[in-house]
N, C-alpha and C. Protein backbone atom coordinates (compact mmCIF):
# COMPACT_ATOMS: atom_id res chain seq x y z
N MET A 1 -92.29 14.15 51.89
CA MET A 1 -92.56 15.40 52.59
C MET A 1 -91.53 16.46 52.19
N GLU A 2 -92.01 17.63 51.85
CA GLU A 2 -91.14 18.71 51.38
C GLU A 2 -90.41 19.35 52.56
N GLN A 3 -89.07 19.47 52.42
CA GLN A 3 -88.30 20.15 53.45
C GLN A 3 -88.55 21.64 53.33
N LYS A 4 -88.52 22.32 54.48
CA LYS A 4 -88.82 23.75 54.49
C LYS A 4 -87.87 24.55 53.59
N ASN A 5 -86.60 24.18 53.54
CA ASN A 5 -85.63 24.93 52.76
C ASN A 5 -85.43 24.40 51.35
N ALA A 6 -86.13 23.32 51.00
CA ALA A 6 -85.99 22.76 49.65
C ALA A 6 -86.53 23.75 48.62
N VAL A 7 -85.83 23.85 47.53
CA VAL A 7 -86.26 24.72 46.43
C VAL A 7 -86.87 23.83 45.35
N ILE A 8 -88.09 24.14 44.98
CA ILE A 8 -88.80 23.41 43.93
C ILE A 8 -88.86 24.32 42.70
N ILE A 9 -88.44 23.79 41.56
CA ILE A 9 -88.56 24.51 40.29
C ILE A 9 -89.72 23.86 39.54
N ARG A 10 -90.66 24.69 39.11
CA ARG A 10 -91.84 24.18 38.41
C ARG A 10 -92.35 25.24 37.44
N PRO A 11 -93.23 24.83 36.51
CA PRO A 11 -93.84 25.82 35.62
C PRO A 11 -94.66 26.83 36.43
N THR A 12 -94.74 28.04 35.94
CA THR A 12 -95.52 29.08 36.63
C THR A 12 -97.01 28.76 36.56
N ARG A 13 -97.72 29.34 37.51
CA ARG A 13 -99.19 29.24 37.56
C ARG A 13 -99.74 30.66 37.68
N ASP A 14 -101.01 30.81 37.36
CA ASP A 14 -101.63 32.13 37.53
C ASP A 14 -101.50 32.62 38.97
N SER A 15 -101.54 31.72 39.92
CA SER A 15 -101.45 32.13 41.33
C SER A 15 -100.06 32.68 41.70
N ASP A 16 -99.06 32.52 40.82
CA ASP A 16 -97.71 33.03 41.06
C ASP A 16 -97.54 34.47 40.59
N VAL A 17 -98.49 34.97 39.83
CA VAL A 17 -98.32 36.25 39.13
C VAL A 17 -98.01 37.41 40.08
N ASP A 18 -98.75 37.57 41.16
CA ASP A 18 -98.50 38.71 42.06
C ASP A 18 -97.10 38.67 42.64
N ALA A 19 -96.64 37.49 43.04
CA ALA A 19 -95.29 37.36 43.60
C ALA A 19 -94.23 37.66 42.53
N MET A 20 -94.45 37.17 41.30
CA MET A 20 -93.51 37.45 40.22
C MET A 20 -93.44 38.94 39.92
N LEU A 21 -94.60 39.59 39.90
CA LEU A 21 -94.61 41.04 39.62
C LEU A 21 -93.90 41.82 40.73
N ALA A 22 -94.06 41.41 41.97
CA ALA A 22 -93.37 42.10 43.07
C ALA A 22 -91.86 41.99 42.90
N ILE A 23 -91.39 40.80 42.54
CA ILE A 23 -89.95 40.60 42.31
C ILE A 23 -89.48 41.45 41.14
N TYR A 24 -90.22 41.40 40.06
CA TYR A 24 -89.87 42.16 38.85
C TYR A 24 -89.81 43.66 39.15
N ARG A 25 -90.85 44.17 39.79
CA ARG A 25 -90.90 45.61 40.07
C ARG A 25 -89.75 46.04 40.96
N HIS A 26 -89.36 45.21 41.92
CA HIS A 26 -88.21 45.56 42.77
C HIS A 26 -86.97 45.77 41.91
N HIS A 27 -86.69 44.83 41.02
CA HIS A 27 -85.47 44.92 40.22
C HIS A 27 -85.53 46.02 39.18
N ILE A 28 -86.69 46.25 38.59
CA ILE A 28 -86.80 47.28 37.57
C ILE A 28 -86.74 48.68 38.18
N ARG A 29 -87.35 48.87 39.33
CA ARG A 29 -87.36 50.19 39.96
C ARG A 29 -86.05 50.53 40.68
N ARG A 30 -85.27 49.51 41.01
CA ARG A 30 -84.03 49.73 41.74
C ARG A 30 -83.11 50.68 40.98
N GLY A 31 -82.78 51.78 41.58
CA GLY A 31 -81.83 52.71 40.98
C GLY A 31 -82.43 53.73 40.05
N VAL A 32 -83.72 53.66 39.80
CA VAL A 32 -84.35 54.66 38.93
C VAL A 32 -84.89 55.77 39.82
N GLU A 33 -84.59 56.99 39.43
CA GLU A 33 -84.94 58.14 40.25
C GLU A 33 -86.44 58.31 40.39
N GLU A 34 -86.85 58.89 41.52
CA GLU A 34 -88.26 59.24 41.72
C GLU A 34 -88.69 60.18 40.61
N GLY A 35 -89.92 60.06 40.19
CA GLY A 35 -90.45 60.94 39.17
C GLY A 35 -90.29 60.40 37.76
N VAL A 36 -89.46 59.35 37.58
CA VAL A 36 -89.31 58.75 36.26
C VAL A 36 -90.54 57.92 35.99
N ASP A 37 -91.16 58.14 34.83
CA ASP A 37 -92.39 57.43 34.47
C ASP A 37 -92.14 55.93 34.40
N ASP A 38 -92.94 55.18 35.13
CA ASP A 38 -92.80 53.72 35.17
C ASP A 38 -94.11 53.06 34.77
N ASN A 39 -94.85 53.67 33.87
CA ASN A 39 -96.16 53.16 33.49
C ASN A 39 -96.10 51.93 32.60
N ASP A 40 -94.89 51.57 32.11
CA ASP A 40 -94.77 50.40 31.25
C ASP A 40 -94.69 49.09 32.03
N THR A 41 -94.64 49.16 33.37
CA THR A 41 -94.55 47.93 34.16
C THR A 41 -95.80 47.10 33.93
N PRO A 42 -95.62 45.81 33.68
CA PRO A 42 -96.80 44.99 33.42
C PRO A 42 -97.74 44.92 34.62
N GLN A 43 -99.00 44.79 34.32
CA GLN A 43 -100.02 44.59 35.34
C GLN A 43 -100.30 43.09 35.44
N PRO A 44 -100.97 42.64 36.51
CA PRO A 44 -101.23 41.21 36.66
C PRO A 44 -101.87 40.55 35.44
N ASP A 45 -102.87 41.20 34.85
CA ASP A 45 -103.52 40.61 33.68
C ASP A 45 -102.57 40.51 32.49
N ASP A 46 -101.65 41.49 32.36
CA ASP A 46 -100.65 41.45 31.29
C ASP A 46 -99.77 40.21 31.45
N LEU A 47 -99.32 39.98 32.67
CA LEU A 47 -98.44 38.85 32.92
C LEU A 47 -99.18 37.52 32.75
N ARG A 48 -100.41 37.46 33.17
CA ARG A 48 -101.21 36.24 32.96
C ARG A 48 -101.33 35.93 31.46
N GLU A 49 -101.59 36.95 30.66
CA GLU A 49 -101.71 36.76 29.21
C GLU A 49 -100.36 36.35 28.61
N ARG A 50 -99.28 36.98 29.05
CA ARG A 50 -97.94 36.63 28.56
C ARG A 50 -97.62 35.17 28.88
N ARG A 51 -97.91 34.76 30.11
CA ARG A 51 -97.70 33.37 30.54
C ARG A 51 -98.45 32.40 29.62
N LYS A 52 -99.71 32.71 29.37
CA LYS A 52 -100.55 31.85 28.53
C LYS A 52 -99.96 31.74 27.13
N ASN A 53 -99.56 32.87 26.56
CA ASN A 53 -98.98 32.87 25.21
C ASN A 53 -97.68 32.08 25.16
N LEU A 54 -96.82 32.26 26.15
CA LEU A 54 -95.55 31.54 26.16
C LEU A 54 -95.79 30.04 26.33
N LYS A 55 -96.72 29.68 27.21
CA LYS A 55 -97.03 28.27 27.43
C LYS A 55 -97.59 27.63 26.15
N ASN A 56 -98.48 28.34 25.47
CA ASN A 56 -99.06 27.83 24.23
C ASN A 56 -98.00 27.63 23.15
N ARG A 57 -96.94 28.43 23.21
CA ARG A 57 -95.87 28.34 22.22
C ARG A 57 -94.71 27.49 22.72
N ARG A 58 -94.89 26.83 23.87
CA ARG A 58 -93.91 25.91 24.46
C ARG A 58 -92.62 26.58 24.91
N PHE A 59 -92.70 27.81 25.33
CA PHE A 59 -91.55 28.50 25.89
C PHE A 59 -91.52 28.29 27.40
N PRO A 60 -90.38 27.89 27.96
CA PRO A 60 -90.30 27.71 29.41
C PRO A 60 -90.60 29.02 30.16
N HIS A 61 -91.39 28.90 31.20
CA HIS A 61 -91.74 30.01 32.10
C HIS A 61 -91.86 29.37 33.47
N ILE A 62 -90.81 29.50 34.30
CA ILE A 62 -90.71 28.70 35.53
C ILE A 62 -90.54 29.57 36.76
N VAL A 63 -90.86 28.98 37.92
CA VAL A 63 -90.65 29.65 39.20
C VAL A 63 -89.83 28.75 40.10
N ALA A 64 -89.15 29.38 41.05
CA ALA A 64 -88.49 28.69 42.16
C ALA A 64 -89.34 28.97 43.39
N VAL A 65 -89.71 27.91 44.09
CA VAL A 65 -90.56 28.03 45.28
C VAL A 65 -89.82 27.41 46.46
N ARG A 66 -89.77 28.12 47.56
CA ARG A 66 -89.17 27.62 48.80
C ARG A 66 -90.17 27.86 49.93
N GLY A 67 -90.55 26.81 50.60
CA GLY A 67 -91.50 26.94 51.71
C GLY A 67 -92.82 27.57 51.30
N GLY A 68 -93.26 27.29 50.09
CA GLY A 68 -94.52 27.83 49.60
C GLY A 68 -94.43 29.25 49.05
N GLU A 69 -93.26 29.87 49.11
CA GLU A 69 -93.07 31.25 48.65
C GLU A 69 -92.32 31.25 47.32
N VAL A 70 -92.81 32.05 46.36
CA VAL A 70 -92.09 32.24 45.10
C VAL A 70 -90.86 33.09 45.40
N VAL A 71 -89.68 32.51 45.15
CA VAL A 71 -88.43 33.21 45.47
C VAL A 71 -87.65 33.60 44.21
N GLY A 72 -88.19 33.27 43.05
CA GLY A 72 -87.56 33.66 41.80
C GLY A 72 -88.34 33.09 40.63
N TYR A 73 -88.07 33.64 39.46
CA TYR A 73 -88.69 33.10 38.25
C TYR A 73 -87.81 33.38 37.05
N ALA A 74 -88.07 32.62 35.99
CA ALA A 74 -87.27 32.74 34.77
C ALA A 74 -88.14 32.37 33.58
N TYR A 75 -87.78 32.93 32.43
CA TYR A 75 -88.53 32.64 31.21
C TYR A 75 -87.68 32.98 30.00
N VAL A 76 -88.14 32.54 28.84
CA VAL A 76 -87.49 32.90 27.58
C VAL A 76 -88.53 33.43 26.61
N VAL A 77 -88.07 34.25 25.70
CA VAL A 77 -88.85 34.74 24.57
C VAL A 77 -87.96 34.59 23.34
N LEU A 78 -88.55 34.69 22.17
CA LEU A 78 -87.73 34.65 20.96
C LEU A 78 -86.73 35.80 20.98
N PHE A 79 -85.52 35.53 20.51
CA PHE A 79 -84.49 36.56 20.41
C PHE A 79 -84.94 37.63 19.42
N ARG A 80 -85.46 37.19 18.28
CA ARG A 80 -86.05 38.08 17.29
C ARG A 80 -87.27 37.37 16.71
N LYS A 81 -88.20 38.13 16.17
CA LYS A 81 -89.47 37.56 15.72
C LYS A 81 -89.43 36.97 14.31
N ARG A 82 -88.41 37.21 13.55
CA ARG A 82 -88.33 36.67 12.20
C ARG A 82 -88.09 35.17 12.26
N PRO A 83 -88.68 34.40 11.30
CA PRO A 83 -88.56 32.93 11.33
C PRO A 83 -87.13 32.41 11.37
N ALA A 84 -86.19 33.10 10.75
CA ALA A 84 -84.81 32.62 10.74
C ALA A 84 -84.22 32.51 12.16
N TYR A 85 -84.78 33.26 13.11
CA TYR A 85 -84.26 33.28 14.48
C TYR A 85 -85.04 32.37 15.43
N ARG A 86 -85.90 31.50 14.91
CA ARG A 86 -86.80 30.71 15.74
C ARG A 86 -86.09 29.72 16.65
N TYR A 87 -84.81 29.48 16.45
CA TYR A 87 -84.06 28.55 17.31
C TYR A 87 -83.27 29.26 18.40
N THR A 88 -83.41 30.57 18.48
CA THR A 88 -82.65 31.36 19.44
C THR A 88 -83.60 32.09 20.38
N VAL A 89 -83.35 31.96 21.68
CA VAL A 89 -84.19 32.60 22.68
C VAL A 89 -83.37 33.55 23.54
N LYS A 90 -84.07 34.51 24.08
CA LYS A 90 -83.49 35.47 25.02
C LYS A 90 -84.11 35.17 26.38
N HIS A 91 -83.28 35.08 27.40
CA HIS A 91 -83.79 34.69 28.71
C HIS A 91 -83.73 35.83 29.72
N SER A 92 -84.56 35.68 30.75
CA SER A 92 -84.57 36.60 31.89
C SER A 92 -84.74 35.77 33.15
N ILE A 93 -84.00 36.15 34.18
CA ILE A 93 -84.09 35.49 35.50
C ILE A 93 -84.17 36.59 36.55
N TYR A 94 -85.14 36.47 37.45
CA TYR A 94 -85.31 37.42 38.54
C TYR A 94 -85.41 36.65 39.85
N VAL A 95 -84.66 37.10 40.86
CA VAL A 95 -84.65 36.45 42.17
C VAL A 95 -85.12 37.45 43.21
N HIS A 96 -85.96 36.98 44.13
CA HIS A 96 -86.45 37.82 45.23
C HIS A 96 -85.24 38.38 45.98
N PRO A 97 -85.25 39.67 46.33
CA PRO A 97 -84.08 40.29 46.95
C PRO A 97 -83.62 39.60 48.25
N ARG A 98 -84.53 39.01 49.01
CA ARG A 98 -84.12 38.33 50.25
C ARG A 98 -83.47 36.98 49.98
N HIS A 99 -83.53 36.51 48.74
CA HIS A 99 -83.02 35.18 48.42
C HIS A 99 -81.83 35.21 47.46
N ILE A 100 -81.35 36.41 47.16
CA ILE A 100 -80.16 36.54 46.30
C ILE A 100 -78.97 35.98 47.07
N GLY A 101 -78.13 35.23 46.37
CA GLY A 101 -76.94 34.65 46.98
C GLY A 101 -77.17 33.30 47.64
N HIS A 102 -78.35 32.72 47.42
CA HIS A 102 -78.68 31.43 48.03
C HIS A 102 -78.86 30.33 46.99
N GLY A 103 -78.35 30.53 45.78
CA GLY A 103 -78.39 29.50 44.75
C GLY A 103 -79.67 29.44 43.94
N ILE A 104 -80.59 30.37 44.17
CA ILE A 104 -81.86 30.35 43.44
C ILE A 104 -81.63 30.63 41.95
N GLY A 105 -80.83 31.63 41.65
CA GLY A 105 -80.53 31.96 40.26
C GLY A 105 -79.89 30.79 39.52
N SER A 106 -78.99 30.09 40.18
CA SER A 106 -78.33 28.93 39.56
C SER A 106 -79.32 27.81 39.29
N ARG A 107 -80.22 27.56 40.23
CA ARG A 107 -81.22 26.51 40.04
C ARG A 107 -82.15 26.86 38.86
N LEU A 108 -82.56 28.13 38.80
CA LEU A 108 -83.41 28.56 37.70
C LEU A 108 -82.67 28.46 36.37
N MET A 109 -81.41 28.87 36.36
CA MET A 109 -80.61 28.83 35.14
C MET A 109 -80.48 27.40 34.62
N ARG A 110 -80.12 26.46 35.50
CA ARG A 110 -79.98 25.06 35.08
C ARG A 110 -81.29 24.54 34.49
N SER A 111 -82.41 24.80 35.16
CA SER A 111 -83.70 24.32 34.68
C SER A 111 -84.08 24.97 33.35
N LEU A 112 -83.79 26.24 33.21
CA LEU A 112 -84.12 26.95 31.98
C LEU A 112 -83.29 26.42 30.80
N ILE A 113 -82.00 26.22 31.02
CA ILE A 113 -81.13 25.68 29.97
C ILE A 113 -81.63 24.30 29.55
N ASP A 114 -81.90 23.45 30.53
CA ASP A 114 -82.37 22.09 30.22
C ASP A 114 -83.70 22.11 29.45
N ALA A 115 -84.62 22.96 29.88
CA ALA A 115 -85.93 23.04 29.23
C ALA A 115 -85.79 23.57 27.80
N CYS A 116 -84.94 24.56 27.60
CA CYS A 116 -84.75 25.12 26.26
C CYS A 116 -84.10 24.10 25.32
N ALA A 117 -83.11 23.39 25.82
CA ALA A 117 -82.44 22.36 25.01
C ALA A 117 -83.45 21.26 24.64
N ALA A 118 -84.25 20.84 25.61
CA ALA A 118 -85.24 19.79 25.36
C ALA A 118 -86.30 20.24 24.36
N ALA A 119 -86.59 21.54 24.33
CA ALA A 119 -87.59 22.08 23.41
C ALA A 119 -87.04 22.28 21.99
N GLY A 120 -85.74 22.05 21.80
CA GLY A 120 -85.16 22.17 20.46
C GLY A 120 -84.53 23.51 20.14
N PHE A 121 -84.44 24.39 21.12
CA PHE A 121 -83.76 25.66 20.87
C PHE A 121 -82.26 25.41 20.81
N ARG A 122 -81.55 26.25 20.07
CA ARG A 122 -80.13 26.03 19.83
C ARG A 122 -79.22 27.05 20.51
N GLN A 123 -79.72 28.26 20.71
CA GLN A 123 -78.90 29.31 21.32
C GLN A 123 -79.72 30.06 22.36
N MET A 124 -79.05 30.46 23.45
CA MET A 124 -79.67 31.35 24.45
C MET A 124 -78.84 32.62 24.50
N ILE A 125 -79.55 33.74 24.55
CA ILE A 125 -78.94 35.07 24.61
C ILE A 125 -79.41 35.73 25.91
N GLY A 126 -78.54 36.51 26.51
CA GLY A 126 -78.93 37.29 27.67
C GLY A 126 -78.30 38.67 27.63
N TYR A 127 -78.97 39.62 28.24
CA TYR A 127 -78.43 40.97 28.41
C TYR A 127 -78.34 41.23 29.90
N ILE A 128 -77.15 41.62 30.37
CA ILE A 128 -76.90 41.76 31.80
C ILE A 128 -76.30 43.13 32.07
N ASP A 129 -76.75 43.74 33.15
CA ASP A 129 -76.15 45.01 33.59
C ASP A 129 -74.66 44.78 33.78
N GLY A 130 -73.85 45.61 33.16
CA GLY A 130 -72.39 45.47 33.23
C GLY A 130 -71.83 45.51 34.64
N ASP A 131 -72.57 46.08 35.58
CA ASP A 131 -72.11 46.14 36.98
C ASP A 131 -72.57 44.94 37.80
N ASN A 132 -73.40 44.08 37.22
CA ASN A 132 -73.95 42.95 37.96
C ASN A 132 -72.97 41.77 37.89
N THR A 133 -71.91 41.86 38.68
CA THR A 133 -70.84 40.86 38.64
C THR A 133 -71.34 39.47 39.03
N ALA A 134 -72.30 39.38 39.94
CA ALA A 134 -72.82 38.07 40.35
C ALA A 134 -73.52 37.39 39.18
N SER A 135 -74.35 38.12 38.45
CA SER A 135 -75.05 37.54 37.31
C SER A 135 -74.07 37.17 36.20
N LEU A 136 -73.10 38.03 35.95
CA LEU A 136 -72.09 37.72 34.94
C LEU A 136 -71.33 36.44 35.31
N ALA A 137 -71.02 36.27 36.60
CA ALA A 137 -70.29 35.07 37.05
C ALA A 137 -71.14 33.81 36.89
N ILE A 138 -72.42 33.90 37.24
CA ILE A 138 -73.31 32.73 37.07
C ILE A 138 -73.38 32.34 35.59
N HIS A 139 -73.55 33.32 34.73
CA HIS A 139 -73.63 33.02 33.30
C HIS A 139 -72.33 32.36 32.82
N GLU A 140 -71.21 32.86 33.26
CA GLU A 140 -69.93 32.26 32.86
C GLU A 140 -69.84 30.81 33.36
N ARG A 141 -70.27 30.58 34.58
CA ARG A 141 -70.25 29.23 35.16
C ARG A 141 -71.11 28.26 34.35
N PHE A 142 -72.18 28.76 33.75
CA PHE A 142 -73.07 27.92 32.95
C PHE A 142 -72.71 27.90 31.47
N GLY A 143 -71.53 28.37 31.13
CA GLY A 143 -71.06 28.24 29.76
C GLY A 143 -71.43 29.37 28.81
N PHE A 144 -71.98 30.44 29.33
CA PHE A 144 -72.25 31.61 28.48
C PHE A 144 -70.94 32.35 28.25
N VAL A 145 -70.80 32.92 27.07
CA VAL A 145 -69.64 33.74 26.76
C VAL A 145 -70.11 35.15 26.43
N ARG A 146 -69.28 36.10 26.74
CA ARG A 146 -69.59 37.50 26.41
C ARG A 146 -69.36 37.69 24.92
N VAL A 147 -70.41 38.18 24.26
CA VAL A 147 -70.31 38.37 22.82
C VAL A 147 -70.46 39.84 22.42
N GLY A 148 -70.70 40.69 23.38
CA GLY A 148 -70.82 42.10 23.06
C GLY A 148 -71.10 42.95 24.28
N VAL A 149 -70.82 44.23 24.12
CA VAL A 149 -71.13 45.21 25.15
C VAL A 149 -71.84 46.37 24.48
N LEU A 150 -72.96 46.77 25.07
CA LEU A 150 -73.67 47.95 24.62
C LEU A 150 -73.34 49.06 25.62
N PRO A 151 -72.41 49.94 25.27
CA PRO A 151 -71.96 50.93 26.24
C PRO A 151 -73.00 52.01 26.53
N ALA A 152 -73.13 52.33 27.79
CA ALA A 152 -73.92 53.47 28.25
C ALA A 152 -75.35 53.49 27.71
N VAL A 153 -76.04 52.35 27.75
CA VAL A 153 -77.40 52.29 27.22
C VAL A 153 -78.47 52.46 28.30
N ALA A 154 -78.09 52.38 29.57
CA ALA A 154 -79.07 52.54 30.66
C ALA A 154 -78.58 53.65 31.60
N TYR A 155 -79.54 54.40 32.12
CA TYR A 155 -79.19 55.45 33.08
C TYR A 155 -79.80 55.09 34.43
N ARG A 156 -78.96 54.71 35.38
CA ARG A 156 -79.40 54.38 36.74
C ARG A 156 -78.30 54.76 37.72
N TYR A 157 -78.73 54.87 38.94
CA TYR A 157 -77.79 55.21 40.02
C TYR A 157 -77.02 56.49 39.71
N GLY A 158 -77.66 57.38 38.95
CA GLY A 158 -77.04 58.66 38.65
C GLY A 158 -75.92 58.61 37.63
N ARG A 159 -75.84 57.51 36.87
CA ARG A 159 -74.79 57.42 35.84
C ARG A 159 -75.23 56.48 34.73
N TRP A 160 -74.50 56.51 33.64
CA TRP A 160 -74.76 55.63 32.50
C TRP A 160 -74.16 54.26 32.78
N ALA A 161 -74.89 53.20 32.39
CA ALA A 161 -74.44 51.83 32.63
C ALA A 161 -74.43 51.04 31.32
N ASP A 162 -73.48 50.12 31.24
CA ASP A 162 -73.36 49.24 30.07
C ASP A 162 -74.28 48.03 30.22
N SER A 163 -74.59 47.42 29.10
CA SER A 163 -75.30 46.15 29.07
C SER A 163 -74.40 45.15 28.35
N VAL A 164 -74.19 43.99 28.98
CA VAL A 164 -73.32 42.96 28.41
C VAL A 164 -74.20 41.89 27.78
N MET A 165 -73.90 41.55 26.54
CA MET A 165 -74.63 40.50 25.84
C MET A 165 -73.84 39.20 25.99
N VAL A 166 -74.55 38.14 26.43
CA VAL A 166 -73.93 36.82 26.58
C VAL A 166 -74.70 35.82 25.73
N GLN A 167 -74.02 34.72 25.38
CA GLN A 167 -74.63 33.70 24.53
C GLN A 167 -74.12 32.33 24.93
N ARG A 168 -75.02 31.34 24.82
CA ARG A 168 -74.67 29.95 25.12
C ARG A 168 -75.31 29.04 24.08
N SER A 169 -74.52 28.11 23.57
CA SER A 169 -75.05 27.13 22.63
C SER A 169 -75.77 26.04 23.40
N LEU A 170 -76.88 25.57 22.84
CA LEU A 170 -77.66 24.49 23.44
C LEU A 170 -77.63 23.23 22.59
N GLY A 171 -77.12 23.36 21.37
CA GLY A 171 -77.20 22.24 20.45
C GLY A 171 -75.91 22.01 19.71
N PRO A 172 -75.99 21.20 18.67
CA PRO A 172 -74.80 20.81 17.91
C PRO A 172 -74.20 21.98 17.14
N GLY A 173 -73.06 21.71 16.55
CA GLY A 173 -72.28 22.73 15.86
C GLY A 173 -73.00 23.45 14.74
N ALA A 174 -72.28 24.35 14.11
CA ALA A 174 -72.85 25.27 13.13
C ALA A 174 -73.35 24.58 11.87
N THR A 175 -72.90 23.37 11.57
CA THR A 175 -73.31 22.73 10.32
C THR A 175 -74.43 21.71 10.51
N ALA A 176 -74.79 21.41 11.75
CA ALA A 176 -75.85 20.41 11.99
C ALA A 176 -77.20 20.98 11.62
N PRO A 177 -78.06 20.18 10.99
CA PRO A 177 -79.40 20.68 10.67
C PRO A 177 -80.21 20.88 11.95
N PRO A 178 -81.09 21.85 11.95
CA PRO A 178 -81.88 22.11 13.15
C PRO A 178 -82.95 21.05 13.40
N THR A 179 -83.31 20.92 14.66
CA THR A 179 -84.44 20.08 15.03
C THR A 179 -85.70 20.88 14.70
N PRO A 180 -86.65 20.30 13.99
CA PRO A 180 -87.85 21.07 13.64
C PRO A 180 -88.59 21.56 14.88
N LEU A 181 -88.98 22.81 14.85
CA LEU A 181 -89.81 23.40 15.90
C LEU A 181 -91.21 23.60 15.36
N PRO A 182 -92.21 23.53 16.21
CA PRO A 182 -93.57 23.79 15.75
C PRO A 182 -93.69 25.19 15.17
N LEU A 183 -94.51 25.34 14.13
CA LEU A 183 -94.70 26.66 13.51
C LEU A 183 -95.24 27.67 14.49
N SER A 184 -95.95 27.22 15.52
CA SER A 184 -96.51 28.15 16.50
C SER A 184 -95.45 28.79 17.37
N THR A 185 -94.17 28.38 17.24
CA THR A 185 -93.10 28.94 18.04
C THR A 185 -92.82 30.38 17.66
N TYR A 186 -92.99 30.73 16.40
CA TYR A 186 -92.66 32.09 15.95
C TYR A 186 -93.83 32.74 15.28
């Protein structure tokens, strides 16, 4: 029997799309001034198609569910589309605003790292708002290192904000041959 406060991490389903979009839109719209065009936000059908494509290519796309409610989600995409980069993924994690600070991001991060390593990926890359100290701390706790800063690339909250690039190894050292990935990955 599932405990009410237990967090379940599982692959996403089409029925999760509306909840995922609500979480995404909250984080993307936060701090952007009224009147700024936001027409690029994905629609439900866009996200359903993205999910299908990622699943077909064996990219992790997961949700955290507590008490039947989607409280966060995470996924990876290729870092770059060229074949040489097929072992490196870029990740995103979004947590419902009412559930921030309750370990949801950490649970999603652990599951995402494990799934990516099991799938044969070698490196994970992330871009984090330079002011998001909680996210930077979680990434550090999970072995990500800061590898770059993109100064003043985002304009929110009435000022320019930096983006911090982080990276984590998932596999053996620089001289080990890669584990073959299916051609459909890239």
